[in-house]
Amino acid sequence: MKASLRRLLHLPRRSGAAEDPYEPELTAAIEGVVEPGWTCADVGAHVGRITETLARLAGKQGRVVAFEAHPANAEESRRRFRGTGWVEVVNAAVGDGSSDRLSLYAGRHDHSTEWNIVGHDVDGAPTRRVLEVPAVSLDAWFPSGTALQLVKIDVEGAEGLVLAGMGRLLREQRPVIVVEFHDEEGWAARRELLEAGYELVHPDGSPVDPEGPRVYHVIARPPS
């Protein structure tokens, strides 16, 4: 990242191994897709590592909306992107649109990367309810006719809720979907993508067997 853009994004200077990209295989896949001027959604943004990549690639002519349910994470992201006019941080959970409030549960060892709205951690163990947060669906947030070219989803098992809440977008706007399937329940939600005509591939572009075992990182490409 150029120093001028790093200053604009209020990002700390890094050195040594810290310069390595976050989740390098996934980041490389995103870098091969996103174009300047795109509108992107980062669902489950945590503190903005992938948001940073999207902001750099989309540029000032683009738009990035980062959704983060954990209030402290969202506040850190707001500080991180303060003054960046094309990045918006939304402190809300993303669901299927059936409720405007959802419970937020702690993750394993209370680590902020794994807080979730499904009530159990990534190993399936029940976790404690901590607070209630606003909830939105992507179909509601991006009304008909609004551009949306890419959605990244990392929501600790709630992938099905996010995908169920963007059925119109999948069929109208047809964004590229970058998703982490954390468990078998989430993997079952790939049906939402297949029914909308999407092709599933690995980050390196090789095909995913849609009837095969769960794949963690998936790029869902819309029909051409």
C-alpha atoms as a PDB file:
ATOM      1  CA  MET A   1       0.000   0.000   0.000  1.00  0.00           C
ATOM      2  CA  LYS A   2       1.319   3.449  -0.844  1.00  0.00           C
ATOM      3  CA  ALA A   3       2.316   5.542   2.162  1.00  0.00           C
ATOM      4  CA  SER A   4      -0.112   8.325   1.227  1.00  0.00           C
ATOM      5  CA  LEU A   5      -3.065   5.926   1.192  1.00  0.00           C
ATOM      6  CA  ARG A   6      -1.914   4.343   4.461  1.00  0.00           C
ATOM      7  CA  ARG A   7      -1.906   7.800   6.068  1.00  0.00           C
ATOM      8  CA  LEU A   8      -5.361   8.524   4.649  1.00  0.00           C
ATOM      9  CA  LEU A   9      -6.691   5.248   6.033  1.00  0.00           C
ATOM     10  CA  HIS A  10      -5.071   5.986   9.436  1.00  0.00           C
ATOM     11  CA  LEU A  11      -3.268   2.637   9.397  1.00  0.00           C
ATOM     12  CA  PRO A  12      -0.168   2.002  11.504  1.00  0.00           C
ATOM     13  CA  ARG A  13       3.156   1.525   9.790  1.00  0.00           C
ATOM     14  CA  ARG A  14       4.177  -2.131   9.705  1.00  0.00           C
ATOM     15  CA  SER A  15       7.549  -3.800   9.470  1.00  0.00           C
ATOM     16  CA  GLY A  16       9.002  -7.242   8.804  1.00  0.00           C
ATOM     17  CA  ALA A  17       6.605 -10.181   8.779  1.00  0.00           C
ATOM     18  CA  ALA A  18       3.699  -7.933   9.788  1.00  0.00           C
ATOM     19  CA  GLU A  19       3.633  -6.736   6.168  1.00  0.00           C
ATOM     20  CA  ASP A  20       2.377 -10.160   5.094  1.00  0.00           C
ATOM     21  CA  PRO A  21      -1.254  -9.915   3.953  1.00  0.00           C
ATOM     22  CA  TYR A  22      -4.077 -11.153   6.122  1.00  0.00           C
ATOM     23  CA  GLU A  23      -5.187 -14.629   4.943  1.00  0.00           C
ATOM     24  CA  PRO A  24      -2.904 -14.339   1.900  1.00  0.00           C
ATOM     25  CA  GLU A  25      -4.673 -16.856  -0.351  1.00  0.00           C
ATOM     26  CA  LEU A  26      -8.038 -15.190   0.189  1.00  0.00           C
ATOM     27  CA  THR A  27      -6.563 -11.707  -0.124  1.00  0.00           C
ATOM     28  CA  ALA A  28      -4.905 -12.667  -3.408  1.00  0.00           C
ATOM     29  CA  ALA A  29      -8.234 -13.944  -4.747  1.00  0.00           C
ATOM     30  CA  ILE A  30      -9.940 -10.679  -3.812  1.00  0.00           C
ATOM     31  CA  GLU A  31      -7.147  -8.679  -5.419  1.00  0.00           C
ATOM     32  CA  GLY A  32      -7.716 -10.630  -8.632  1.00  0.00           C
ATOM     33  CA  VAL A  33     -11.393  -9.692  -8.713  1.00  0.00           C
ATOM     34  CA  VAL A  34     -12.134  -6.218  -7.316  1.00  0.00           C
ATOM     35  CA  GLU A  35     -11.838  -3.311  -9.727  1.00  0.00           C
ATOM     36  CA  PRO A  36     -11.592   0.449  -9.103  1.00  0.00           C
ATOM     37  CA  GLY A  37     -15.003   2.000  -8.578  1.00  0.00           C
ATOM     38  CA  TRP A  38     -16.665  -1.161  -7.258  1.00  0.00           C
ATOM     39  CA  THR A  39     -19.110  -1.232  -4.372  1.00  0.00           C
ATOM     40  CA  CYS A  40     -18.188  -3.947  -1.869  1.00  0.00           C
ATOM     41  CA  ALA A  41     -19.679  -5.240   1.387  1.00  0.00           C
ATOM     42  CA  ASP A  42     -17.498  -6.731   4.113  1.00  0.00           C
ATOM     43  CA  VAL A  43     -19.845  -8.791   6.293  1.00  0.00           C
ATOM     44  CA  GLY A  44     -18.168  -9.737   9.547  1.00  0.00           C
ATOM     45  CA  ALA A  45     -15.461  -7.133   9.137  1.00  0.00           C
ATOM     46  CA  HIS A  46     -13.868  -7.538  12.600  1.00  0.00           C
ATOM     47  CA  VAL A  47     -11.358  -4.653  12.787  1.00  0.00           C
ATOM     48  CA  GLY A  48     -11.055  -4.096   9.062  1.00  0.00           C
ATOM     49  CA  ARG A  49      -8.198  -6.179   7.664  1.00  0.00           C
ATOM     50  CA  ILE A  50     -10.162  -7.278   4.581  1.00  0.00           C
ATOM     51  CA  THR A  51     -11.965  -3.917   4.553  1.00  0.00           C
ATOM     52  CA  GLU A  52      -8.534  -2.341   4.104  1.00  0.00           C
ATOM     53  CA  THR A  53      -7.884  -4.470   1.022  1.00  0.00           C
ATOM     54  CA  LEU A  54     -11.300  -3.676  -0.438  1.00  0.00           C
ATOM     55  CA  ALA A  55     -10.821   0.062   0.200  1.00  0.00           C
ATOM     56  CA  ARG A  56      -7.458   0.022  -1.535  1.00  0.00           C
ATOM     57  CA  LEU A  57      -8.772  -1.843  -4.564  1.00  0.00           C
ATOM     58  CA  ALA A  58     -12.085  -0.001  -4.981  1.00  0.00           C
ATOM     59  CA  GLY A  59     -10.431   3.383  -4.443  1.00  0.00           C
ATOM     60  CA  LYS A  60     -12.031   6.771  -3.960  1.00  0.00           C
ATOM     61  CA  GLN A  61     -14.474   6.194  -6.813  1.00  0.00           C
ATOM     62  CA  GLY A  62     -15.753   3.054  -5.095  1.00  0.00           C
ATOM     63  CA  ARG A  63     -17.641   2.294  -1.908  1.00  0.00           C
ATOM     64  CA  VAL A  64     -17.005  -0.196   0.895  1.00  0.00           C
ATOM     65  CA  VAL A  65     -19.596  -0.963   3.580  1.00  0.00           C
ATOM     66  CA  ALA A  66     -18.135  -2.876   6.532  1.00  0.00           C
ATOM     67  CA  PHE A  67     -20.690  -4.647   8.753  1.00  0.00           C
ATOM     68  CA  GLU A  68     -19.475  -5.634  12.223  1.00  0.00           C
ATOM     69  CA  ALA A  69     -21.735  -6.754  15.075  1.00  0.00           C
ATOM     70  CA  HIS A  70     -19.213  -6.445  17.918  1.00  0.00           C
ATOM     71  CA  PRO A  71     -19.370  -2.813  19.152  1.00  0.00           C
ATOM     72  CA  ALA A  72     -15.700  -2.564  20.144  1.00  0.00           C
ATOM     73  CA  ASN A  73     -14.563  -4.016  16.821  1.00  0.00           C
ATOM     74  CA  ALA A  74     -16.800  -1.605  14.924  1.00  0.00           C
ATOM     75  CA  GLU A  75     -15.420   1.341  16.882  1.00  0.00           C
ATOM     76  CA  GLU A  76     -11.859   0.271  16.135  1.00  0.00           C
ATOM     77  CA  SER A  77     -12.728   0.048  12.435  1.00  0.00           C
ATOM     78  CA  ARG A  78     -14.266   3.530  12.539  1.00  0.00           C
ATOM     79  CA  ARG A  79     -11.016   4.890  13.962  1.00  0.00           C
ATOM     80  CA  ARG A  80      -9.022   2.933  11.401  1.00  0.00           C
ATOM     81  CA  PHE A  81     -10.919   4.405   8.449  1.00  0.00           C
ATOM     82  CA  ARG A  82     -11.627   7.838   9.886  1.00  0.00           C
ATOM     83  CA  GLY A  83     -11.579  10.389   7.093  1.00  0.00           C
ATOM     84  CA  THR A  84     -11.905   7.751   4.368  1.00  0.00           C
ATOM     85  CA  GLY A  85     -15.000   8.938   2.574  1.00  0.00           C
ATOM     86  CA  TRP A  86     -15.601   5.739   0.635  1.00  0.00           C
ATOM     87  CA  VAL A  87     -15.620   3.398   3.676  1.00  0.00           C
ATOM     88  CA  GLU A  88     -18.710   3.148   5.903  1.00  0.00           C
ATOM     89  CA  VAL A  89     -18.649   1.056   9.092  1.00  0.00           C
ATOM     90  CA  VAL A  90     -22.020  -0.281  10.244  1.00  0.00           C
ATOM     91  CA  ASN A  91     -22.286  -1.669  13.793  1.00  0.00           C
ATOM     92  CA  ALA A  92     -24.913  -4.316  13.077  1.00  0.00           C
ATOM     93  CA  ALA A  93     -25.318  -8.037  12.583  1.00  0.00           C
ATOM     94  CA  VAL A  94     -26.294  -9.178   9.100  1.00  0.00           C
ATOM     95  CA  GLY A  95     -29.111 -11.707   8.999  1.00  0.00           C
ATOM     96  CA  ASP A  96     -32.052 -12.885   6.938  1.00  0.00           C
ATOM     97  CA  GLY A  97     -34.230  -9.839   7.568  1.00  0.00           C
ATOM     98  CA  SER A  98     -36.683 -11.564   9.908  1.00  0.00           C
ATOM     99  CA  SER A  99     -35.705  -9.384  12.874  1.00  0.00           C
ATOM    100  CA  ASP A 100     -34.217  -5.935  13.403  1.00  0.00           C
ATOM    101  CA  ARG A 101     -32.426  -7.081  16.586  1.00  0.00           C
ATOM    102  CA  LEU A 102     -30.293 -10.169  17.190  1.00  0.00           C
ATOM    103  CA  SER A 103     -28.472 -11.624  20.187  1.00  0.00           C
ATOM    104  CA  LEU A 104     -24.690 -11.595  20.062  1.00  0.00           C
ATOM    105  CA  TYR A 105     -22.862 -14.523  21.664  1.00  0.00           C
ATOM    106  CA  ALA A 106     -19.277 -14.807  22.817  1.00  0.00           C
ATOM    107  CA  GLY A 107     -16.846 -16.918  20.828  1.00  0.00           C
ATOM    108  CA  ARG A 108     -14.251 -19.322  22.141  1.00  0.00           C
ATOM    109  CA  HIS A 109     -12.330 -17.781  25.049  1.00  0.00           C
ATOM    110  CA  ASP A 110     -14.282 -14.542  24.402  1.00  0.00           C
ATOM    111  CA  HIS A 111     -12.001 -13.812  21.458  1.00  0.00           C
ATOM    112  CA  SER A 112     -13.527 -10.938  19.501  1.00  0.00           C
ATOM    113  CA  THR A 113     -12.927 -12.598  16.122  1.00  0.00           C
ATOM    114  CA  GLU A 114     -15.432 -15.361  16.920  1.00  0.00           C
ATOM    115  CA  TRP A 115     -18.409 -13.584  18.444  1.00  0.00           C
ATOM    116  CA  ASN A 116     -21.512 -14.728  16.594  1.00  0.00           C
ATOM    117  CA  ILE A 117     -25.301 -14.661  16.289  1.00  0.00           C
ATOM    118  CA  VAL A 118     -25.844 -18.439  16.178  1.00  0.00           C
ATOM    119  CA  GLY A 119     -25.334 -19.211  19.873  1.00  0.00           C
ATOM    120  CA  HIS A 120     -22.420 -21.622  19.602  1.00  0.00           C
ATOM    121  CA  ASP A 121     -18.756 -21.461  18.780  1.00  0.00           C
ATOM    122  CA  VAL A 122     -17.082 -22.879  15.673  1.00  0.00           C
ATOM    123  CA  ASP A 123     -16.686 -26.229  17.456  1.00  0.00           C
ATOM    124  CA  GLY A 124     -20.436 -26.425  18.138  1.00  0.00           C
ATOM    125  CA  ALA A 125     -20.199 -25.719  21.878  1.00  0.00           C
ATOM    126  CA  PRO A 126     -22.918 -23.388  23.242  1.00  0.00           C
ATOM    127  CA  THR A 127     -21.666 -19.944  24.231  1.00  0.00           C
ATOM    128  CA  ARG A 128     -23.124 -17.240  26.443  1.00  0.00           C
ATOM    129  CA  ARG A 129     -25.397 -14.475  25.227  1.00  0.00           C
ATOM    130  CA  VAL A 130     -23.727 -11.134  25.875  1.00  0.00           C
ATOM    131  CA  LEU A 131     -25.834  -8.404  24.313  1.00  0.00           C
ATOM    132  CA  GLU A 132     -28.390  -7.533  21.675  1.00  0.00           C
ATOM    133  CA  VAL A 133     -27.407  -5.647  18.544  1.00  0.00           C
ATOM    134  CA  PRO A 134     -29.176  -4.093  15.553  1.00  0.00           C
ATOM    135  CA  ALA A 135     -29.683  -6.444  12.619  1.00  0.00           C
ATOM    136  CA  VAL A 136     -30.016  -5.806   8.897  1.00  0.00           C
ATOM    137  CA  SER A 137     -30.284  -7.867   5.727  1.00  0.00           C
ATOM    138  CA  LEU A 138     -28.253  -7.076   2.633  1.00  0.00           C
ATOM    139  CA  ASP A 139     -31.395  -6.983   0.496  1.00  0.00           C
ATOM    140  CA  ALA A 140     -32.746  -4.220   2.742  1.00  0.00           C
ATOM    141  CA  TRP A 141     -29.453  -2.314   2.988  1.00  0.00           C
ATOM    142  CA  PHE A 142     -28.836  -2.295  -0.752  1.00  0.00           C
ATOM    143  CA  PRO A 143     -32.221  -1.529  -2.361  1.00  0.00           C
ATOM    144  CA  SER A 144     -33.105  -2.522  -5.893  1.00  0.00           C
ATOM    145  CA  GLY A 145     -30.979  -0.673  -8.405  1.00  0.00           C
ATOM    146  CA  THR A 146     -28.077  -0.092  -5.997  1.00  0.00           C
ATOM    147  CA  ALA A 147     -24.740  -1.304  -7.305  1.00  0.00           C
ATOM    148  CA  LEU A 148     -23.012  -4.097  -5.408  1.00  0.00           C
ATOM    149  CA  GLN A 149     -20.179  -6.008  -7.062  1.00  0.00           C
ATOM    150  CA  LEU A 150     -18.637  -8.049  -4.229  1.00  0.00           C
ATOM    151  CA  VAL A 151     -19.658  -9.390  -0.809  1.00  0.00           C
ATOM    152  CA  LYS A 152     -17.200 -10.980   1.606  1.00  0.00           C
ATOM    153  CA  ILE A 153     -18.845 -13.087   4.343  1.00  0.00           C
ATOM    154  CA  ASP A 154     -17.045 -14.241   7.506  1.00  0.00           C
ATOM    155  CA  VAL A 155     -19.693 -14.689  10.207  1.00  0.00           C
ATOM    156  CA  GLU A 156     -18.716 -17.708  12.302  1.00  0.00           C
ATOM    157  CA  GLY A 157     -21.482 -20.080  11.228  1.00  0.00           C
ATOM    158  CA  ALA A 158     -24.226 -17.612  10.278  1.00  0.00           C
ATOM    159  CA  GLU A 159     -23.499 -17.835   6.542  1.00  0.00           C
ATOM    160  CA  GLY A 160     -26.961 -19.241   5.869  1.00  0.00           C
ATOM    161  CA  LEU A 161     -28.677 -16.252   7.472  1.00  0.00           C
ATOM    162  CA  VAL A 162     -26.633 -13.779   5.445  1.00  0.00           C
ATOM    163  CA  LEU A 163     -27.262 -15.604   2.169  1.00  0.00           C
ATOM    164  CA  ALA A 164     -30.971 -16.013   2.918  1.00  0.00           C
ATOM    165  CA  GLY A 165     -31.172 -12.252   3.402  1.00  0.00           C
ATOM    166  CA  MET A 166     -29.705 -11.418   0.010  1.00  0.00           C
ATOM    167  CA  GLY A 167     -31.750 -13.560  -2.381  1.00  0.00           C
ATOM    168  CA  ARG A 168     -32.782 -10.565  -4.486  1.00  0.00           C
ATOM    169  CA  LEU A 169     -29.217  -9.284  -4.735  1.00  0.00           C
ATOM    170  CA  LEU A 170     -27.981 -12.695  -5.842  1.00  0.00           C
ATOM    171  CA  ARG A 171     -30.439 -12.657  -8.732  1.00  0.00           C
ATOM    172  CA  GLU A 172     -30.473  -8.950  -9.636  1.00  0.00           C
ATOM    173  CA  GLN A 173     -27.042  -7.489  -8.888  1.00  0.00           C
ATOM    174  CA  ARG A 174     -25.149 -10.799  -9.001  1.00  0.00           C
ATOM    175  CA  PRO A 175     -22.143  -9.762  -6.902  1.00  0.00           C
ATOM    176  CA  VAL A 176     -19.118 -11.994  -6.533  1.00  0.00           C
ATOM    177  CA  ILE A 177     -19.380 -13.730  -3.133  1.00  0.00           C
ATOM    178  CA  VAL A 178     -16.301 -14.509  -1.045  1.00  0.00           C
ATOM    179  CA  VAL A 179     -17.423 -16.700   1.861  1.00  0.00           C
ATOM    180  CA  GLU A 180     -15.970 -18.722   4.713  1.00  0.00           C
ATOM    181  CA  PHE A 181     -18.087 -21.787   5.490  1.00  0.00           C
ATOM    182  CA  HIS A 182     -17.320 -22.454   9.150  1.00  0.00           C
ATOM    183  CA  ASP A 183     -19.410 -25.585   9.752  1.00  0.00           C
ATOM    184  CA  GLU A 184     -21.744 -28.062   8.080  1.00  0.00           C
ATOM    185  CA  GLU A 185     -24.815 -25.924   8.758  1.00  0.00           C
ATOM    186  CA  GLY A 186     -23.166 -23.057   6.952  1.00  0.00           C
ATOM    187  CA  TRP A 187     -22.041 -25.335   4.112  1.00  0.00           C
ATOM    188  CA  ALA A 188     -25.662 -26.366   3.562  1.00  0.00           C
ATOM    189  CA  ALA A 189     -26.401 -22.733   2.700  1.00  0.00           C
ATOM    190  CA  ARG A 190     -24.351 -23.062  -0.490  1.00  0.00           C
ATOM    191  CA  ARG A 191     -27.707 -24.092  -1.962  1.00  0.00           C
ATOM    192  CA  GLU A 192     -28.695 -20.417  -1.933  1.00  0.00           C
ATOM    193  CA  LEU A 193     -25.810 -19.722  -4.299  1.00  0.00           C
ATOM    194  CA  LEU A 194     -26.328 -22.755  -6.517  1.00  0.00           C
ATOM    195  CA  GLU A 195     -30.036 -22.032  -6.920  1.00  0.00           C
ATOM    196  CA  ALA A 196     -29.128 -18.515  -8.057  1.00  0.00           C
ATOM    197  CA  GLY A 197     -26.852 -19.991 -10.739  1.00  0.00           C
ATOM    198  CA  TYR A 198     -23.499 -19.342  -9.097  1.00  0.00           C
ATOM    199  CA  GLU A 199     -20.347 -21.377  -9.723  1.00  0.00           C
ATOM    200  CA  LEU A 200     -18.244 -22.287  -6.688  1.00  0.00           C
ATOM    201  CA  VAL A 201     -14.449 -22.198  -6.945  1.00  0.00           C
ATOM    202  CA  HIS A 202     -11.469 -22.297  -4.618  1.00  0.00           C
ATOM    203  CA  PRO A 203      -9.450 -19.087  -4.139  1.00  0.00           C
ATOM    204  CA  ASP A 204      -6.991 -20.363  -6.773  1.00  0.00           C
ATOM    205  CA  GLY A 205      -9.842 -20.632  -9.292  1.00  0.00           C
ATOM    206  CA  SER A 206     -10.120 -24.421  -9.356  1.00  0.00           C
ATOM    207  CA  PRO A 207     -13.683 -25.773  -9.204  1.00  0.00           C
ATOM    208  CA  VAL A 208     -15.364 -26.785  -5.956  1.00  0.00           C
ATOM    209  CA  ASP A 209     -17.459 -29.941  -6.032  1.00  0.00           C
ATOM    210  CA  PRO A 210     -20.834 -28.594  -4.853  1.00  0.00           C
ATOM    211  CA  GLU A 211     -21.847 -32.066  -3.653  1.00  0.00           C
ATOM    212  CA  GLY A 212     -18.521 -32.763  -1.984  1.00  0.00           C
ATOM    213  CA  PRO A 213     -17.246 -32.120   1.544  1.00  0.00           C
ATOM    214  CA  ARG A 214     -17.269 -28.666   3.049  1.00  0.00           C
ATOM    215  CA  VAL A 215     -14.785 -26.174   1.685  1.00  0.00           C
ATOM    216  CA  TYR A 216     -13.719 -23.378   4.020  1.00  0.00           C
ATOM    217  CA  HIS A 217     -12.860 -20.556   1.599  1.00  0.00           C
ATOM    218  CA  VAL A 218     -15.128 -20.357  -1.438  1.00  0.00           C
ATOM    219  CA  ILE A 219     -15.421 -17.805  -4.227  1.00  0.00           C
ATOM    220  CA  ALA A 220     -18.907 -17.871  -5.736  1.00  0.00           C
ATOM    221  CA  ARG A 221     -18.904 -16.483  -9.263  1.00  0.00           C
ATOM    222  CA  PRO A 222     -22.138 -15.303 -10.875  1.00  0.00           C
ATOM    223  CA  PRO A 223     -23.260 -16.716 -14.193  1.00  0.00           C
ATOM    224  CA  SER A 224     -21.807 -14.811 -17.120  1.00  0.00           C
END
